[in-house]
Amino acid sequence: MPDEAGQGGRGLTLFHVSDVHFGAEDPAAIAWFSACVKAERPDAVIMTGDLTMRATKAEFQQGGDWLRSLGVPVTLEVGNHDIPYYWDPFRRLFAPYQRYAAVETMIERPLELPGITIVPLKTTARAQWRWNWSKGRVGSGSLSRALALMGQVPAGNLIFVAAHHPLIEGGTSATGKTRNGDVALTALADAGAHAVLSGHVHDPFDVPVERSGRTVRMIGAGTLSKRTRGSPAAFNEIRVTGGAFETIPRTLDTIPA
């Protein structure tokens, strides 16, 4: 699905991957993705969260080793599974990021590529005033940081915002139910965002949304874990050519024996 924006330039390819869930990963899907990166050499990998299943040091180490092995620039968002679970309340509330050492340099890393800027947006929360803390929340500080980064983007660049939870629902069976998501989407559109990339729901989607007289694309990636839902293991290829971008969902329909 192409969309026009930006000033053009050489073609680039981004791989958008999410919800690998080391600890419940699908080895065949991970090997497939790694092989695609090795063969096609995308300009960057955007990982929109849930690198781990239970936020253990071993899972972060495994995930970090895998991301570094790809050999291309990577930016990583924090997913709800990347924060210690409810049964470890002290660590969740007071030291939620203690185990991130293996991936620290990748987390919420803005990326600058020719004609493209990737801006991180945190949508996870240590605690919320509702029972299900796995759902999304955009805090005022997180939104302000994203908008400040967007204010520094070179004129004419495509702006892709990377978050874990979809800001509004994308028509999938699973939901983000992201608090302040719609408000955040409008603010990001006003600031010039072209797309918001997310994960969490484990199924790919690409939905154009009208905000402030312009179209912003809500793009969700599938999962490389065993926790598939409506689609097989999947990631998104995003092709950028001449100021337009196209999202191609790539699915592992069959796993070789």
C-alpha atoms as a PDB file:
ATOM      1  CA  MET A   1       0.000   0.000   0.000  1.00  0.00           C
ATOM      2  CA  PRO A   2       1.980   3.050  -1.208  1.00  0.00           C
ATOM      3  CA  ASP A   3       1.829   6.518   0.336  1.00  0.00           C
ATOM      4  CA  GLU A   4       3.400   9.719  -0.944  1.00  0.00           C
ATOM      5  CA  ALA A   5       5.574  11.876   1.331  1.00  0.00           C
ATOM      6  CA  GLY A   6       9.021  13.372   1.746  1.00  0.00           C
ATOM      7  CA  GLN A   7      11.535  14.646  -0.795  1.00  0.00           C
ATOM      8  CA  GLY A   8      12.613  11.396  -2.346  1.00  0.00           C
ATOM      9  CA  GLY A   9      16.130   9.997  -2.574  1.00  0.00           C
ATOM     10  CA  ARG A  10      17.534   6.520  -2.997  1.00  0.00           C
ATOM     11  CA  GLY A  11      15.343   3.574  -2.163  1.00  0.00           C
ATOM     12  CA  LEU A  12      15.616   2.103   1.326  1.00  0.00           C
ATOM     13  CA  THR A  13      14.216  -0.996   2.977  1.00  0.00           C
ATOM     14  CA  LEU A  14      13.198  -1.339   6.607  1.00  0.00           C
ATOM     15  CA  PHE A  15      12.272  -4.582   8.353  1.00  0.00           C
ATOM     16  CA  HIS A  16       9.640  -4.065  11.047  1.00  0.00           C
ATOM     17  CA  VAL A  17       9.511  -6.961  13.493  1.00  0.00           C
ATOM     18  CA  SER A  18       7.799  -7.403  16.834  1.00  0.00           C
ATOM     19  CA  ASP A  19       6.872  -9.751  19.673  1.00  0.00           C
ATOM     20  CA  VAL A  20       9.690 -12.262  19.335  1.00  0.00           C
ATOM     21  CA  HIS A  21       9.187 -13.313  22.981  1.00  0.00           C
ATOM     22  CA  PHE A  22      12.503 -15.005  23.715  1.00  0.00           C
ATOM     23  CA  GLY A  23      11.500 -17.697  26.172  1.00  0.00           C
ATOM     24  CA  ALA A  24       8.552 -18.578  23.920  1.00  0.00           C
ATOM     25  CA  GLU A  25      10.222 -17.853  20.582  1.00  0.00           C
ATOM     26  CA  ASP A  26       9.730 -19.842  17.397  1.00  0.00           C
ATOM     27  CA  PRO A  27      13.252 -20.947  16.356  1.00  0.00           C
ATOM     28  CA  ALA A  28      12.182 -21.602  12.764  1.00  0.00           C
ATOM     29  CA  ALA A  29      10.654 -18.115  12.460  1.00  0.00           C
ATOM     30  CA  ILE A  30      13.732 -16.479  13.961  1.00  0.00           C
ATOM     31  CA  ALA A  31      16.038 -18.393  11.615  1.00  0.00           C
ATOM     32  CA  TRP A  32      13.826 -17.367   8.675  1.00  0.00           C
ATOM     33  CA  PHE A  33      13.953 -13.681   9.657  1.00  0.00           C
ATOM     34  CA  SER A  34      17.728 -13.813  10.190  1.00  0.00           C
ATOM     35  CA  ALA A  35      18.169 -15.408   6.769  1.00  0.00           C
ATOM     36  CA  CYS A  36      16.046 -12.662   5.172  1.00  0.00           C
ATOM     37  CA  VAL A  37      18.205  -9.979   6.821  1.00  0.00           C
ATOM     38  CA  LYS A  38      21.411 -11.679   5.701  1.00  0.00           C
ATOM     39  CA  ALA A  39      20.205 -12.094   2.117  1.00  0.00           C
ATOM     40  CA  GLU A  40      18.469  -8.727   1.655  1.00  0.00           C
ATOM     41  CA  ARG A  41      20.435  -6.389   3.954  1.00  0.00           C
ATOM     42  CA  PRO A  42      17.716  -3.937   4.996  1.00  0.00           C
ATOM     43  CA  ASP A  43      18.871  -0.460   5.963  1.00  0.00           C
ATOM     44  CA  ALA A  44      17.520  -0.904   9.503  1.00  0.00           C
ATOM     45  CA  VAL A  45      15.431  -3.179  11.705  1.00  0.00           C
ATOM     46  CA  ILE A  46      12.671  -1.635  13.813  1.00  0.00           C
ATOM     47  CA  MET A  47      11.744  -3.927  16.707  1.00  0.00           C
ATOM     48  CA  THR A  48       8.522  -2.757  18.356  1.00  0.00           C
ATOM     49  CA  GLY A  49       8.725  -4.555  21.664  1.00  0.00           C
ATOM     50  CA  ASP A  50       8.186  -7.782  23.570  1.00  0.00           C
ATOM     51  CA  LEU A  51      11.670  -9.007  22.823  1.00  0.00           C
ATOM     52  CA  THR A  52      11.289 -11.268  25.880  1.00  0.00           C
ATOM     53  CA  MET A  53       8.574 -13.371  27.453  1.00  0.00           C
ATOM     54  CA  ARG A  54       9.274 -12.828  31.163  1.00  0.00           C
ATOM     55  CA  ALA A  55      11.883 -10.046  31.174  1.00  0.00           C
ATOM     56  CA  THR A  56      14.655 -12.269  32.557  1.00  0.00           C
ATOM     57  CA  LYS A  57      18.351 -11.511  32.169  1.00  0.00           C
ATOM     58  CA  ALA A  58      18.820 -14.675  30.140  1.00  0.00           C
ATOM     59  CA  GLU A  59      16.010 -13.723  27.733  1.00  0.00           C
ATOM     60  CA  PHE A  60      17.415 -10.210  27.271  1.00  0.00           C
ATOM     61  CA  GLN A  61      20.866 -11.644  26.668  1.00  0.00           C
ATOM     62  CA  GLN A  62      19.503 -14.072  24.088  1.00  0.00           C
ATOM     63  CA  GLY A  63      17.462 -11.356  22.391  1.00  0.00           C
ATOM     64  CA  GLY A  64      20.335  -8.871  22.434  1.00  0.00           C
ATOM     65  CA  ASP A  65      22.732 -11.407  20.950  1.00  0.00           C
ATOM     66  CA  TRP A  66      20.236 -12.117  18.182  1.00  0.00           C
ATOM     67  CA  LEU A  67      19.630  -8.452  17.351  1.00  0.00           C
ATOM     68  CA  ARG A  68      23.374  -7.729  17.246  1.00  0.00           C
ATOM     69  CA  SER A  69      23.930 -10.751  15.019  1.00  0.00           C
ATOM     70  CA  LEU A  70      21.735  -9.155  12.343  1.00  0.00           C
ATOM     71  CA  GLY A  71      24.531  -6.705  11.516  1.00  0.00           C
ATOM     72  CA  VAL A  72      22.271  -3.740  10.657  1.00  0.00           C
ATOM     73  CA  PRO A  73      21.119  -0.702  12.685  1.00  0.00           C
ATOM     74  CA  VAL A  74      18.403  -1.655  15.197  1.00  0.00           C
ATOM     75  CA  THR A  75      16.025   0.371  17.339  1.00  0.00           C
ATOM     76  CA  LEU A  76      14.077  -1.435  20.053  1.00  0.00           C
ATOM     77  CA  GLU A  77      10.914  -0.449  21.876  1.00  0.00           C
ATOM     78  CA  VAL A  78       9.995  -1.805  25.313  1.00  0.00           C
ATOM     79  CA  GLY A  79       6.927  -4.061  25.362  1.00  0.00           C
ATOM     80  CA  ASN A  80       4.728  -5.037  28.268  1.00  0.00           C
ATOM     81  CA  HIS A  81       6.473  -8.436  28.482  1.00  0.00           C
ATOM     82  CA  ASP A  82       9.818  -6.633  28.808  1.00  0.00           C
ATOM     83  CA  ILE A  83       8.850  -5.325  32.264  1.00  0.00           C
ATOM     84  CA  PRO A  84       8.903  -7.737  35.262  1.00  0.00           C
ATOM     85  CA  TYR A  85       5.537  -9.393  35.877  1.00  0.00           C
ATOM     86  CA  TYR A  86       3.018  -8.496  38.585  1.00  0.00           C
ATOM     87  CA  TRP A  87       4.317 -11.206  40.927  1.00  0.00           C
ATOM     88  CA  ASP A  88       7.605  -9.290  41.204  1.00  0.00           C
ATOM     89  CA  PRO A  89       6.037  -5.955  42.231  1.00  0.00           C
ATOM     90  CA  PHE A  90       9.141  -4.386  43.788  1.00  0.00           C
ATOM     91  CA  ARG A  91      11.246  -4.931  40.675  1.00  0.00           C
ATOM     92  CA  ARG A  92       8.375  -3.893  38.386  1.00  0.00           C
ATOM     93  CA  LEU A  93       7.739  -0.608  40.203  1.00  0.00           C
ATOM     94  CA  PHE A  94      11.223   0.411  41.326  1.00  0.00           C
ATOM     95  CA  ALA A  95      13.737  -1.342  39.056  1.00  0.00           C
ATOM     96  CA  PRO A  96      11.898  -2.323  35.869  1.00  0.00           C
ATOM     97  CA  TYR A  97      14.862  -1.655  33.586  1.00  0.00           C
ATOM     98  CA  GLN A  98      17.569  -3.363  35.661  1.00  0.00           C
ATOM     99  CA  ARG A  99      17.863  -6.352  33.333  1.00  0.00           C
ATOM    100  CA  TYR A 100      18.188  -4.417  30.071  1.00  0.00           C
ATOM    101  CA  ALA A 101      21.997  -4.289  29.984  1.00  0.00           C
ATOM    102  CA  ALA A 102      22.269  -6.599  26.969  1.00  0.00           C
ATOM    103  CA  VAL A 103      20.078  -4.319  24.825  1.00  0.00           C
ATOM    104  CA  GLU A 104      20.467  -0.926  26.496  1.00  0.00           C
ATOM    105  CA  THR A 105      22.077   0.845  23.533  1.00  0.00           C
ATOM    106  CA  MET A 106      19.175  -0.164  21.246  1.00  0.00           C
ATOM    107  CA  ILE A 107      16.250   0.819  23.481  1.00  0.00           C
ATOM    108  CA  GLU A 108      14.247   3.829  22.282  1.00  0.00           C
ATOM    109  CA  ARG A 109      17.054   4.732  19.893  1.00  0.00           C
ATOM    110  CA  PRO A 110      16.118   7.346  17.284  1.00  0.00           C
ATOM    111  CA  LEU A 111      17.425   6.411  13.855  1.00  0.00           C
ATOM    112  CA  GLU A 112      18.384   8.773  11.055  1.00  0.00           C
ATOM    113  CA  LEU A 113      18.505   7.324   7.554  1.00  0.00           C
ATOM    114  CA  PRO A 114      18.601   9.182   4.228  1.00  0.00           C
ATOM    115  CA  GLY A 115      15.138  10.767   3.975  1.00  0.00           C
ATOM    116  CA  ILE A 116      13.729   8.832   6.979  1.00  0.00           C
ATOM    117  CA  THR A 117      13.643   9.457  10.730  1.00  0.00           C
ATOM    118  CA  ILE A 118      12.530   6.800  13.232  1.00  0.00           C
ATOM    119  CA  VAL A 119      11.175   8.330  16.451  1.00  0.00           C
ATOM    120  CA  PRO A 120      10.521   6.185  19.568  1.00  0.00           C
ATOM    121  CA  LEU A 121       7.330   6.502  21.620  1.00  0.00           C
ATOM    122  CA  LYS A 122       7.006   4.633  24.920  1.00  0.00           C
ATOM    123  CA  THR A 123       3.555   3.064  25.442  1.00  0.00           C
ATOM    124  CA  THR A 124       4.246   0.743  28.394  1.00  0.00           C
ATOM    125  CA  ALA A 125       3.564   1.599  32.034  1.00  0.00           C
ATOM    126  CA  ARG A 126       4.799   0.114  35.305  1.00  0.00           C
ATOM    127  CA  ALA A 127       1.349   0.576  36.832  1.00  0.00           C
ATOM    128  CA  GLN A 128      -2.072   1.799  35.695  1.00  0.00           C
ATOM    129  CA  TRP A 129      -5.457   2.545  37.222  1.00  0.00           C
ATOM    130  CA  ARG A 130      -7.003  -0.563  35.672  1.00  0.00           C
ATOM    131  CA  TRP A 131      -6.666  -4.296  36.129  1.00  0.00           C
ATOM    132  CA  ASN A 132      -4.898  -5.126  32.892  1.00  0.00           C
ATOM    133  CA  TRP A 133      -1.486  -3.472  32.951  1.00  0.00           C
ATOM    134  CA  SER A 134      -0.489  -5.172  29.695  1.00  0.00           C
ATOM    135  CA  LYS A 135      -2.478  -2.613  27.704  1.00  0.00           C
ATOM    136  CA  GLY A 136      -1.015   0.584  26.333  1.00  0.00           C
ATOM    137  CA  ARG A 137      -0.642   4.036  27.807  1.00  0.00           C
ATOM    138  CA  VAL A 138       0.934   7.179  26.362  1.00  0.00           C
ATOM    139  CA  GLY A 139       2.110   9.417  29.179  1.00  0.00           C
ATOM    140  CA  SER A 140       2.555  13.156  28.731  1.00  0.00           C
ATOM    141  CA  GLY A 141       6.319  12.850  29.174  1.00  0.00           C
ATOM    142  CA  SER A 142       6.627  10.132  26.526  1.00  0.00           C
ATOM    143  CA  LEU A 143       4.579  12.126  24.043  1.00  0.00           C
ATOM    144  CA  SER A 144       6.538  15.313  24.757  1.00  0.00           C
ATOM    145  CA  ARG A 145       9.839  13.511  24.133  1.00  0.00           C
ATOM    146  CA  ALA A 146       8.583  12.132  20.823  1.00  0.00           C
ATOM    147  CA  LEU A 147       7.292  15.522  19.700  1.00  0.00           C
ATOM    148  CA  ALA A 148      10.587  17.172  20.663  1.00  0.00           C
ATOM    149  CA  LEU A 149      12.504  14.661  18.535  1.00  0.00           C
ATOM    150  CA  MET A 150      10.106  15.254  15.660  1.00  0.00           C
ATOM    151  CA  GLY A 151      10.792  18.965  15.919  1.00  0.00           C
ATOM    152  CA  GLN A 152      14.428  18.266  15.016  1.00  0.00           C
ATOM    153  CA  VAL A 153      13.703  16.153  11.917  1.00  0.00           C
ATOM    154  CA  PRO A 154      15.200  17.508   8.685  1.00  0.00           C
ATOM    155  CA  ALA A 155      12.626  19.073   6.390  1.00  0.00           C
ATOM    156  CA  GLY A 156      11.149  16.623   3.906  1.00  0.00           C
ATOM    157  CA  ASN A 157      12.008  13.455   5.832  1.00  0.00           C
ATOM    158  CA  LEU A 158       9.485  10.709   6.302  1.00  0.00           C
ATOM    159  CA  ILE A 159       8.733  10.335  10.014  1.00  0.00           C
ATOM    160  CA  PHE A 160       7.970   6.875  11.363  1.00  0.00           C
ATOM    161  CA  VAL A 161       7.021   6.669  15.035  1.00  0.00           C
ATOM    162  CA  ALA A 162       7.860   3.338  16.704  1.00  0.00           C
ATOM    163  CA  ALA A 163       5.737   2.152  19.650  1.00  0.00           C
ATOM    164  CA  HIS A 164       4.804  -1.183  21.164  1.00  0.00           C
ATOM    165  CA  HIS A 165       1.020  -0.778  21.428  1.00  0.00           C
ATOM    166  CA  PRO A 166      -1.157   0.381  18.533  1.00  0.00           C
ATOM    167  CA  LEU A 167      -2.408   3.862  19.407  1.00  0.00           C
ATOM    168  CA  ILE A 168      -5.877   2.989  18.103  1.00  0.00           C
ATOM    169  CA  GLU A 169      -7.244  -0.405  17.158  1.00  0.00           C
ATOM    170  CA  GLY A 170      -6.262  -1.837  13.801  1.00  0.00           C
ATOM    171  CA  GLY A 171      -9.074  -4.359  13.346  1.00  0.00           C
ATOM    172  CA  THR A 172      -7.199  -7.317  14.843  1.00  0.00           C
ATOM    173  CA  SER A 173      -8.646  -9.823  17.315  1.00  0.00           C
ATOM    174  CA  ALA A 174      -6.250  -8.715  20.060  1.00  0.00           C
ATOM    175  CA  THR A 175      -6.361  -5.122  21.281  1.00  0.00           C
ATOM    176  CA  GLY A 176      -4.031  -2.446  22.585  1.00  0.00           C
ATOM    177  CA  LYS A 177      -6.679  -0.358  24.388  1.00  0.00           C
ATOM    178  CA  THR A 178      -4.060   2.363  24.588  1.00  0.00           C
ATOM    179  CA  ARG A 179      -5.012   5.159  26.947  1.00  0.00           C
ATOM    180  CA  ASN A 180      -4.417   8.618  25.469  1.00  0.00           C
ATOM    181  CA  GLY A 181      -3.604   6.849  22.206  1.00  0.00           C
ATOM    182  CA  ASP A 182      -6.068   8.760  20.045  1.00  0.00           C
ATOM    183  CA  VAL A 183      -4.944  12.086  21.502  1.00  0.00           C
ATOM    184  CA  ALA A 184      -1.323  11.105  20.913  1.00  0.00           C
ATOM    185  CA  LEU A 185      -2.071  10.081  17.325  1.00  0.00           C
ATOM    186  CA  THR A 186      -3.598  13.493  16.595  1.00  0.00           C
ATOM    187  CA  ALA A 187      -0.612  15.278  18.146  1.00  0.00           C
ATOM    188  CA  LEU A 188       1.831  13.152  16.150  1.00  0.00           C
ATOM    189  CA  ALA A 189      -0.124  13.852  12.951  1.00  0.00           C
ATOM    190  CA  ASP A 190      -0.037  17.587  13.689  1.00  0.00           C
ATOM    191  CA  ALA A 191       3.727  17.317  14.100  1.00  0.00           C
ATOM    192  CA  GLY A 192       4.140  15.604  10.717  1.00  0.00           C
ATOM    193  CA  ALA A 193       4.206  11.845  11.414  1.00  0.00           C
ATOM    194  CA  HIS A 194       3.617   9.681   8.341  1.00  0.00           C
ATOM    195  CA  ALA A 195       3.194   6.338  10.105  1.00  0.00           C
ATOM    196  CA  VAL A 196       3.064   4.768  13.564  1.00  0.00           C
ATOM    197  CA  LEU A 197       4.647   1.309  13.716  1.00  0.00           C
ATOM    198  CA  SER A 198       3.598  -1.053  16.512  1.00  0.00           C
ATOM    199  CA  GLY A 199       3.283  -4.659  17.644  1.00  0.00           C
ATOM    200  CA  HIS A 200       1.521  -6.266  20.638  1.00  0.00           C
ATOM    201  CA  VAL A 201      -1.446  -7.800  18.810  1.00  0.00           C
ATOM    202  CA  HIS A 202       0.597 -10.488  16.966  1.00  0.00           C
ATOM    203  CA  ASP A 203      -1.144  -9.927  13.623  1.00  0.00           C
ATOM    204  CA  PRO A 204      -0.079  -7.553  10.822  1.00  0.00           C
ATOM    205  CA  PHE A 205      -2.230  -4.619   9.740  1.00  0.00           C
ATOM    206  CA  ASP A 206      -1.896  -1.396   7.765  1.00  0.00           C
ATOM    207  CA  VAL A 207      -4.708   1.105   8.333  1.00  0.00           C
ATOM    208  CA  PRO A 208      -4.785   4.687   6.987  1.00  0.00           C
ATOM    209  CA  VAL A 209      -6.235   7.152   9.498  1.00  0.00           C
ATOM    210  CA  GLU A 210      -7.255  10.734   8.791  1.00  0.00           C
ATOM    211  CA  ARG A 211      -6.025  13.271  11.339  1.00  0.00           C
ATOM    212  CA  SER A 212      -5.674  17.025  11.016  1.00  0.00           C
ATOM    213  CA  GLY A 213      -6.391  16.917   7.295  1.00  0.00           C
ATOM    214  CA  ARG A 214      -3.683  14.377   6.521  1.00  0.00           C
ATOM    215  CA  THR A 215      -3.304  10.616   6.415  1.00  0.00           C
ATOM    216  CA  VAL A 216      -1.247   8.752   9.008  1.00  0.00           C
ATOM    217  CA  ARG A 217      -0.691   5.032   8.570  1.00  0.00           C
ATOM    218  CA  MET A 218      -1.120   2.696  11.540  1.00  0.00           C
ATOM    219  CA  ILE A 219       1.165  -0.273  10.756  1.00  0.00           C
ATOM    220  CA  GLY A 220       1.302  -3.364  12.947  1.00  0.00           C
ATOM    221  CA  ALA A 221       3.763  -6.257  12.728  1.00  0.00           C
ATOM    222  CA  GLY A 222       3.046  -9.906  13.474  1.00  0.00           C
ATOM    223  CA  THR A 223       5.075 -12.156  15.782  1.00  0.00           C
ATOM    224  CA  LEU A 224       8.088 -14.455  15.501  1.00  0.00           C
ATOM    225  CA  SER A 225       7.006 -16.362  18.603  1.00  0.00           C
ATOM    226  CA  LYS A 226       4.966 -19.520  19.061  1.00  0.00           C
ATOM    227  CA  ARG A 227       2.103 -17.292  20.285  1.00  0.00           C
ATOM    228  CA  THR A 228       0.546 -16.693  16.860  1.00  0.00           C
ATOM    229  CA  ARG A 229      -3.082 -15.615  16.531  1.00  0.00           C
ATOM    230  CA  GLY A 230      -4.843 -15.031  13.216  1.00  0.00           C
ATOM    231  CA  SER A 231      -1.769 -15.192  10.981  1.00  0.00           C
ATOM    232  CA  PRO A 232       1.396 -17.290  10.843  1.00  0.00           C
ATOM    233  CA  ALA A 233       4.745 -15.916  11.958  1.00  0.00           C
ATOM    234  CA  ALA A 234       5.300 -12.610  10.168  1.00  0.00           C
ATOM    235  CA  PHE A 235       7.220  -9.362   9.862  1.00  0.00           C
ATOM    236  CA  ASN A 236       6.774  -6.256   7.711  1.00  0.00           C
ATOM    237  CA  GLU A 237       9.015  -5.109   4.903  1.00  0.00           C
ATOM    238  CA  ILE A 238       8.708  -1.355   4.358  1.00  0.00           C
ATOM    239  CA  ARG A 239      10.036  -0.129   1.019  1.00  0.00           C
ATOM    240  CA  VAL A 240      10.758   3.566   0.670  1.00  0.00           C
ATOM    241  CA  THR A 241      11.282   4.911  -2.842  1.00  0.00           C
ATOM    242  CA  GLY A 242      11.152   8.457  -4.130  1.00  0.00           C
ATOM    243  CA  GLY A 243       9.331   9.811  -1.089  1.00  0.00           C
ATOM    244  CA  ALA A 244       6.684   7.046  -1.076  1.00  0.00           C
ATOM    245  CA  PHE A 245       6.540   4.002   1.152  1.00  0.00           C
ATOM    246  CA  GLU A 246       4.921   0.613   0.813  1.00  0.00           C
ATOM    247  CA  THR A 247       4.261  -2.004   3.499  1.00  0.00           C
ATOM    248  CA  ILE A 248       4.605  -5.661   2.547  1.00  0.00           C
ATOM    249  CA  PRO A 249       3.608  -8.228   5.190  1.00  0.00           C
ATOM    250  CA  ARG A 250       5.893 -11.263   4.934  1.00  0.00           C
ATOM    251  CA  THR A 251       4.566 -14.451   6.482  1.00  0.00           C
ATOM    252  CA  LEU A 252       6.095 -17.827   7.166  1.00  0.00           C
ATOM    253  CA  ASP A 253       3.235 -19.899   5.784  1.00  0.00           C
ATOM    254  CA  THR A 254       5.031 -23.204   6.033  1.00  0.00           C
ATOM    255  CA  ILE A 255       7.817 -24.310   8.329  1.00  0.00           C
ATOM    256  CA  PRO A 256      10.229 -26.774   6.697  1.00  0.00           C
ATOM    257  CA  ALA A 257      10.533 -30.123   8.438  1.00  0.00           C
END
